[in-house]
Amino acid sequence: MKKVLLLLAALALSLSFAQAQEASDSAAVQWKHVKMDGHRTGVTAPSADNVKTAIGTVEKGVYTAPNGRRFRKGATPAVAQLMLDAQPAMASVKEVIGYSEKEMLRYRPQCELSNWFTDFLREKTAELTGRKVDVAIYNYGGIRTDMPQGPITVDDIMSMFPFRNSLCYVALKGADLRAIFEFLAATQMQAVSGVQLVVRDKKLESVKVGGEPLDDKKTYGVATINFLLTGGDGLFIAKNALELIETGVMVKDAVIPYIQRQTRESTAIEGHLDDRVVVYESEETKEGEE
């Protein structure tokens, strides 16, 4: 606990210094985003067997970064030492479980990462429940990091899906499913699978499920998570549910064995873009959002 408090204190002091420095240059504090890519030190996310190469070393109070840069003053050596000391306890989450052909970034209205995951969500929910699953809906906020290119560790997946959300099956009439897609079209699109949506100027123009036009009277099986059942991100997927099954299986606990199985079968993790979400916006709509 003492080490954790020291780390938090060091981070707080660093942040306070940065704020004070910026405040001295302008009347108000100015914020900017800086990509955490190790450009100052060469630090990368370590696996279980390359800690010193990835993080660096601390000797006699001097931190030597992977790129050779040395830090003697400030909180940097102490923070680096805390990170190094924590690595043995983190060895299990540094296990490499798979391989991604390329980096997969998160962005709307669809991306390779969201498509890969929602296709998996649809298939896994069907496997767990024994139900026919036609559609999957997942919130982009539930995918917290990008998929790195190359080796995938347990830590990567835990960081990507950190929330205790469980896989769920919901049976809905087509009319209720249409209402969900109309809401997404009018607000912000979420990750989907099994559908082809066309959105024009914030309105749902057309929707197909399994290649066929959505039938308002037909019953469809929907894979999702418990967070989205009763209001998460504005969605109430369980509203008017004809059947609801909460599997209790957490997202990360489903994804990790899947990636491990793909690895045993020599199959790389790879997503693809397709026509599942097509969004058209007029110039007037774009101007209204600026």
Protein backbone atom coordinates (compact mmCIF):
# COMPACT_ATOMS: atom_id res chain seq x y z
CA MET A 1 0.00 0.00 0.00
CA LYS A 2 2.88 2.37 0.83
CA LYS A 3 4.32 1.90 -2.65
CA VAL A 4 0.99 2.57 -4.27
CA LEU A 5 0.61 5.79 -2.25
CA LEU A 6 4.12 6.87 -3.25
CA LEU A 7 3.30 6.25 -6.91
CA LEU A 8 0.07 8.22 -6.67
CA ALA A 9 1.86 11.05 -4.91
CA ALA A 10 4.54 11.15 -7.59
CA LEU A 11 1.95 11.25 -10.34
CA ALA A 12 0.01 13.99 -8.54
CA LEU A 13 3.18 16.08 -8.11
CA SER A 14 4.05 15.64 -11.78
CA LEU A 15 0.55 16.72 -12.82
CA SER A 16 0.61 19.71 -10.45
CA PHE A 17 3.96 20.81 -11.87
CA ALA A 18 2.64 20.52 -15.44
CA GLN A 19 -0.44 22.55 -14.56
CA ALA A 20 1.60 25.22 -12.81
CA GLN A 21 3.99 25.45 -15.75
CA GLU A 22 1.16 25.87 -18.23
CA ALA A 23 -0.64 28.35 -15.99
CA SER A 24 2.47 30.51 -15.87
CA ASP A 25 2.43 30.75 -19.65
CA SER A 26 -1.23 31.70 -20.00
CA ALA A 27 -4.16 33.06 -18.00
CA ALA A 28 -5.86 29.66 -17.88
CA VAL A 29 -4.59 26.10 -17.79
CA GLN A 30 -4.30 24.66 -21.27
CA TRP A 31 -4.66 20.92 -21.86
CA LYS A 32 -3.41 18.83 -24.72
CA HIS A 33 -3.44 15.14 -25.59
CA VAL A 34 -0.08 13.38 -25.81
CA LYS A 35 0.06 9.86 -27.21
CA MET A 36 1.47 7.35 -24.70
CA ASP A 37 3.92 5.88 -27.17
CA GLY A 38 7.18 5.97 -25.22
CA HIS A 39 8.67 8.65 -27.47
CA ARG A 40 10.68 10.19 -24.59
CA THR A 41 12.08 7.00 -23.12
CA GLY A 42 11.52 4.11 -25.50
CA VAL A 43 9.40 2.34 -22.86
CA THR A 44 7.00 -0.29 -24.19
CA ALA A 45 4.50 -2.59 -22.51
CA PRO A 46 6.55 -5.46 -21.04
CA SER A 47 5.84 -9.15 -21.32
CA ALA A 48 6.87 -11.58 -18.60
CA ASP A 49 10.38 -12.10 -20.00
CA ASN A 50 11.52 -8.69 -21.30
CA VAL A 51 10.98 -6.36 -18.32
CA LYS A 52 14.38 -4.64 -18.39
CA THR A 53 14.34 -4.26 -22.16
CA ALA A 54 10.83 -2.78 -22.11
CA ILE A 55 10.96 -0.61 -18.96
CA GLY A 56 14.66 -0.03 -18.28
CA THR A 57 16.69 -0.27 -15.09
CA VAL A 58 17.30 1.66 -11.88
CA GLU A 59 20.77 1.55 -10.33
CA LYS A 60 21.99 3.73 -7.43
CA GLY A 61 18.97 5.99 -7.81
CA VAL A 62 19.50 6.58 -11.53
CA TYR A 63 16.89 5.42 -14.03
CA THR A 64 18.18 4.33 -17.43
CA ALA A 65 15.40 4.15 -20.00
CA PRO A 66 15.32 1.62 -22.87
CA ASN A 67 16.50 4.31 -25.31
CA GLY A 68 19.55 5.02 -23.11
CA ARG A 69 18.29 8.26 -21.63
CA ARG A 70 19.22 8.67 -17.94
CA PHE A 71 17.11 10.32 -15.24
CA ARG A 72 18.68 11.30 -11.91
CA LYS A 73 16.32 13.95 -10.55
CA GLY A 74 12.64 14.24 -9.82
CA ALA A 75 10.15 11.44 -9.26
CA THR A 76 11.08 9.48 -12.39
CA PRO A 77 13.61 7.05 -10.81
CA ALA A 78 11.26 6.27 -7.90
CA VAL A 79 8.28 5.71 -10.19
CA ALA A 80 10.38 3.50 -12.48
CA GLN A 81 11.53 1.44 -9.48
CA LEU A 82 7.92 0.96 -8.37
CA MET A 83 7.00 -0.23 -11.86
CA LEU A 84 9.91 -2.67 -11.91
CA ASP A 85 9.10 -3.99 -8.43
CA ALA A 86 5.48 -4.62 -9.48
CA GLN A 87 6.35 -6.76 -12.49
CA PRO A 88 6.77 -10.16 -10.76
CA ALA A 89 3.23 -9.91 -9.38
CA MET A 90 1.98 -9.02 -12.86
CA ALA A 91 3.70 -11.91 -14.65
CA SER A 92 0.47 -13.85 -15.12
CA VAL A 93 -1.23 -11.02 -17.04
CA LYS A 94 1.85 -10.58 -19.25
CA GLU A 95 1.35 -14.04 -20.74
CA VAL A 96 1.19 -13.92 -24.53
CA ILE A 97 -2.05 -15.56 -25.64
CA GLY A 98 -2.32 -14.71 -29.32
CA TYR A 99 -1.21 -12.67 -32.30
CA SER A 100 -2.84 -9.83 -34.22
CA GLU A 101 -1.95 -9.39 -37.88
CA LYS A 102 -2.20 -5.60 -37.59
CA GLU A 103 -3.08 -2.83 -35.21
CA MET A 104 -6.84 -2.36 -34.95
CA LEU A 105 -7.98 1.10 -33.88
CA ARG A 106 -11.31 2.12 -32.32
CA TYR A 107 -13.53 4.53 -34.22
CA ARG A 108 -17.15 4.97 -35.30
CA PRO A 109 -19.36 4.12 -37.11
CA GLN A 110 -17.53 0.81 -37.55
CA CYS A 111 -13.95 -0.40 -37.32
CA GLU A 112 -12.06 -3.64 -37.70
CA LEU A 113 -11.80 -4.08 -33.93
CA SER A 114 -15.50 -3.55 -33.20
CA ASN A 115 -16.49 -5.78 -36.11
CA TRP A 116 -14.18 -8.56 -34.92
CA PHE A 117 -15.50 -8.36 -31.38
CA THR A 118 -19.24 -8.10 -32.14
CA ASP A 119 -19.02 -11.04 -34.56
CA PHE A 120 -17.43 -13.00 -31.72
CA LEU A 121 -20.06 -11.74 -29.25
CA ARG A 122 -22.86 -12.97 -31.51
CA GLU A 123 -21.32 -16.42 -31.94
CA LYS A 124 -20.32 -16.85 -28.28
CA THR A 125 -23.74 -15.83 -26.97
CA ALA A 126 -25.39 -18.38 -29.24
CA GLU A 127 -22.96 -21.04 -27.96
CA LEU A 128 -23.61 -20.20 -24.30
CA THR A 129 -27.41 -19.99 -24.54
CA GLY A 130 -28.26 -22.49 -27.25
CA ARG A 131 -30.39 -19.80 -28.90
CA LYS A 132 -30.30 -18.50 -32.45
CA VAL A 133 -28.62 -15.10 -32.33
CA ASP A 134 -29.24 -12.81 -35.27
CA VAL A 135 -27.77 -9.52 -34.08
CA ALA A 136 -25.14 -8.24 -31.64
CA ILE A 137 -25.03 -4.76 -30.11
CA TYR A 138 -22.13 -3.51 -28.00
CA ASN A 139 -21.13 -0.04 -26.82
CA TYR A 140 -17.93 1.50 -28.16
CA GLY A 141 -17.18 2.79 -24.66
CA GLY A 142 -16.81 -0.82 -23.55
CA ILE A 143 -13.75 -1.21 -25.81
CA ARG A 144 -11.20 0.86 -23.94
CA THR A 145 -7.99 0.35 -25.91
CA ASP A 146 -6.86 -0.46 -29.44
CA MET A 147 -5.68 -3.92 -30.43
CA PRO A 148 -1.88 -3.87 -30.84
CA GLN A 149 -0.14 -5.39 -33.81
CA GLY A 150 1.82 -8.51 -32.95
CA PRO A 151 1.71 -10.49 -29.70
CA ILE A 152 -1.45 -10.13 -27.57
CA THR A 153 -1.13 -10.48 -23.80
CA VAL A 154 -3.74 -11.15 -21.12
CA ASP A 155 -3.11 -7.58 -19.99
CA ASP A 156 -4.06 -6.26 -23.45
CA ILE A 157 -7.47 -7.93 -23.23
CA MET A 158 -8.03 -6.93 -19.61
CA SER A 159 -7.27 -3.33 -20.58
CA MET A 160 -9.48 -3.56 -23.64
CA PHE A 161 -12.46 -4.98 -21.69
CA PRO A 162 -11.94 -3.85 -18.07
CA PHE A 163 -15.57 -3.75 -16.99
CA ARG A 164 -17.49 -6.56 -15.29
CA ASN A 165 -20.05 -6.81 -18.07
CA SER A 166 -21.59 -10.18 -18.83
CA LEU A 167 -22.89 -11.62 -22.09
CA CYS A 168 -26.68 -11.60 -22.45
CA TYR A 169 -29.32 -12.89 -24.86
CA VAL A 170 -32.48 -10.90 -25.54
CA ALA A 171 -35.39 -11.93 -27.78
CA LEU A 172 -37.08 -8.90 -29.34
CA LYS A 173 -39.79 -8.20 -31.86
CA GLY A 174 -38.52 -6.57 -35.03
CA ALA A 175 -40.35 -3.34 -34.22
CA ASP A 176 -38.47 -3.00 -30.93
CA LEU A 177 -35.17 -3.80 -32.61
CA ARG A 178 -35.91 -1.16 -35.24
CA ALA A 179 -36.54 1.39 -32.49
CA ILE A 180 -33.09 0.67 -31.06
CA PHE A 181 -31.44 1.24 -34.43
CA GLU A 182 -33.44 4.44 -34.93
CA PHE A 183 -32.12 5.67 -31.58
CA LEU A 184 -28.53 4.82 -32.55
CA ALA A 185 -28.94 6.59 -35.89
CA ALA A 186 -30.24 9.74 -34.17
CA THR A 187 -27.60 9.79 -31.41
CA GLN A 188 -24.37 7.88 -31.94
CA MET A 189 -23.71 4.54 -33.55
CA GLN A 190 -22.60 1.60 -31.44
CA ALA A 191 -20.82 -1.58 -32.51
CA VAL A 192 -23.09 -4.09 -34.27
CA SER A 193 -23.01 -7.46 -35.98
CA GLY A 194 -25.44 -9.37 -38.18
CA VAL A 195 -27.04 -6.26 -39.65
CA GLN A 196 -26.69 -3.81 -42.50
CA LEU A 197 -27.70 -0.30 -41.46
CA VAL A 198 -27.97 2.72 -43.73
CA VAL A 199 -28.20 6.05 -41.92
CA ARG A 200 -28.82 9.34 -43.67
CA ASP A 201 -28.75 12.67 -41.86
CA LYS A 202 -29.28 11.05 -38.43
CA LYS A 203 -32.23 8.98 -39.62
CA LEU A 204 -32.40 5.23 -40.19
CA GLU A 205 -32.96 4.79 -43.91
CA SER A 206 -32.88 1.01 -44.09
CA VAL A 207 -31.97 -2.04 -42.01
CA LYS A 208 -31.37 -5.64 -42.93
CA VAL A 209 -30.81 -8.60 -40.64
CA GLY A 210 -29.01 -11.57 -42.14
CA GLY A 211 -29.33 -9.96 -45.55
CA GLU A 212 -33.13 -9.63 -45.37
CA PRO A 213 -35.18 -6.49 -44.59
CA LEU A 214 -36.07 -6.24 -40.92
CA ASP A 215 -39.55 -7.64 -40.26
CA ASP A 216 -41.32 -5.72 -37.49
CA LYS A 217 -43.44 -8.74 -36.57
CA LYS A 218 -40.64 -11.31 -36.51
CA THR A 219 -38.75 -12.27 -33.34
CA TYR A 220 -34.98 -11.79 -33.38
CA GLY A 221 -32.25 -12.99 -31.06
CA VAL A 222 -29.93 -10.23 -29.85
CA ALA A 223 -26.53 -10.64 -28.16
CA THR A 224 -25.47 -7.81 -25.88
CA ILE A 225 -24.17 -7.14 -22.34
CA ASN A 226 -25.98 -6.46 -19.07
CA PHE A 227 -24.82 -2.81 -19.06
CA LEU A 228 -27.01 -2.08 -22.08
CA LEU A 229 -30.13 -3.83 -20.82
CA THR A 230 -31.60 -1.02 -18.72
CA GLY A 231 -30.13 2.32 -19.67
CA GLY A 232 -26.38 2.04 -20.22
CA ASP A 233 -25.34 4.57 -22.90
CA GLY A 234 -29.03 5.40 -23.25
CA LEU A 235 -29.96 1.92 -24.44
CA PHE A 236 -32.78 -0.17 -22.94
CA ILE A 237 -32.32 -3.37 -24.91
CA ALA A 238 -34.26 -5.47 -22.40
CA LYS A 239 -37.35 -3.26 -22.73
CA ASN A 240 -40.20 -5.38 -24.13
CA ALA A 241 -37.94 -8.46 -24.08
CA LEU A 242 -39.75 -11.68 -24.95
CA GLU A 243 -36.91 -13.63 -23.34
CA LEU A 244 -33.83 -12.60 -21.40
CA ILE A 245 -30.84 -14.79 -20.50
CA GLU A 246 -27.95 -13.39 -18.50
CA THR A 247 -25.09 -15.86 -18.84
CA GLY A 248 -22.92 -14.45 -16.04
CA VAL A 249 -19.86 -14.87 -18.28
CA MET A 250 -17.72 -11.73 -18.27
CA VAL A 251 -16.56 -10.31 -21.59
CA LYS A 252 -12.84 -10.74 -20.89
CA ASP A 253 -13.41 -14.27 -19.58
CA ALA A 254 -15.01 -15.16 -22.89
CA VAL A 255 -12.48 -13.39 -25.12
CA ILE A 256 -9.25 -14.71 -23.56
CA PRO A 257 -10.01 -18.45 -24.10
CA TYR A 258 -11.22 -17.64 -27.63
CA ILE A 259 -7.92 -15.98 -28.53
CA GLN A 260 -5.99 -18.84 -26.96
CA ARG A 261 -7.97 -21.34 -29.04
CA GLN A 262 -7.34 -19.32 -32.20
CA THR A 263 -3.64 -19.38 -31.39
CA ARG A 264 -3.62 -23.17 -30.95
CA GLU A 265 -5.28 -23.40 -34.36
CA SER A 266 -2.63 -21.06 -35.81
CA THR A 267 -5.28 -18.46 -36.62
CA ALA A 268 -4.34 -14.79 -36.22
CA ILE A 269 -6.78 -12.30 -34.75
CA GLU A 270 -7.99 -10.07 -37.57
CA GLY A 271 -11.04 -7.88 -38.19
CA HIS A 272 -12.53 -6.61 -41.44
CA LEU A 273 -14.61 -3.67 -42.60
CA ASP A 274 -17.83 -4.35 -44.49
CA ASP A 275 -21.20 -2.76 -45.26
CA ARG A 276 -22.76 -3.30 -41.83
CA VAL A 277 -22.95 0.44 -41.15
CA VAL A 278 -23.12 3.09 -43.88
CA VAL A 279 -23.63 6.71 -42.82
CA TYR A 280 -24.45 9.57 -45.18
CA GLU A 281 -24.41 13.16 -43.95
CA SER A 282 -25.41 16.27 -45.86
CA GLU A 283 -23.32 19.42 -45.56
CA GLU A 284 -26.09 20.97 -43.45
CA THR A 285 -25.89 18.09 -40.95
CA LYS A 286 -22.11 18.34 -40.73
CA GLU A 287 -22.26 22.10 -40.18
CA GLY A 288 -24.85 21.64 -37.46
CA GLU A 289 -22.49 19.34 -35.53
CA GLU A 290 -19.55 21.74 -35.65
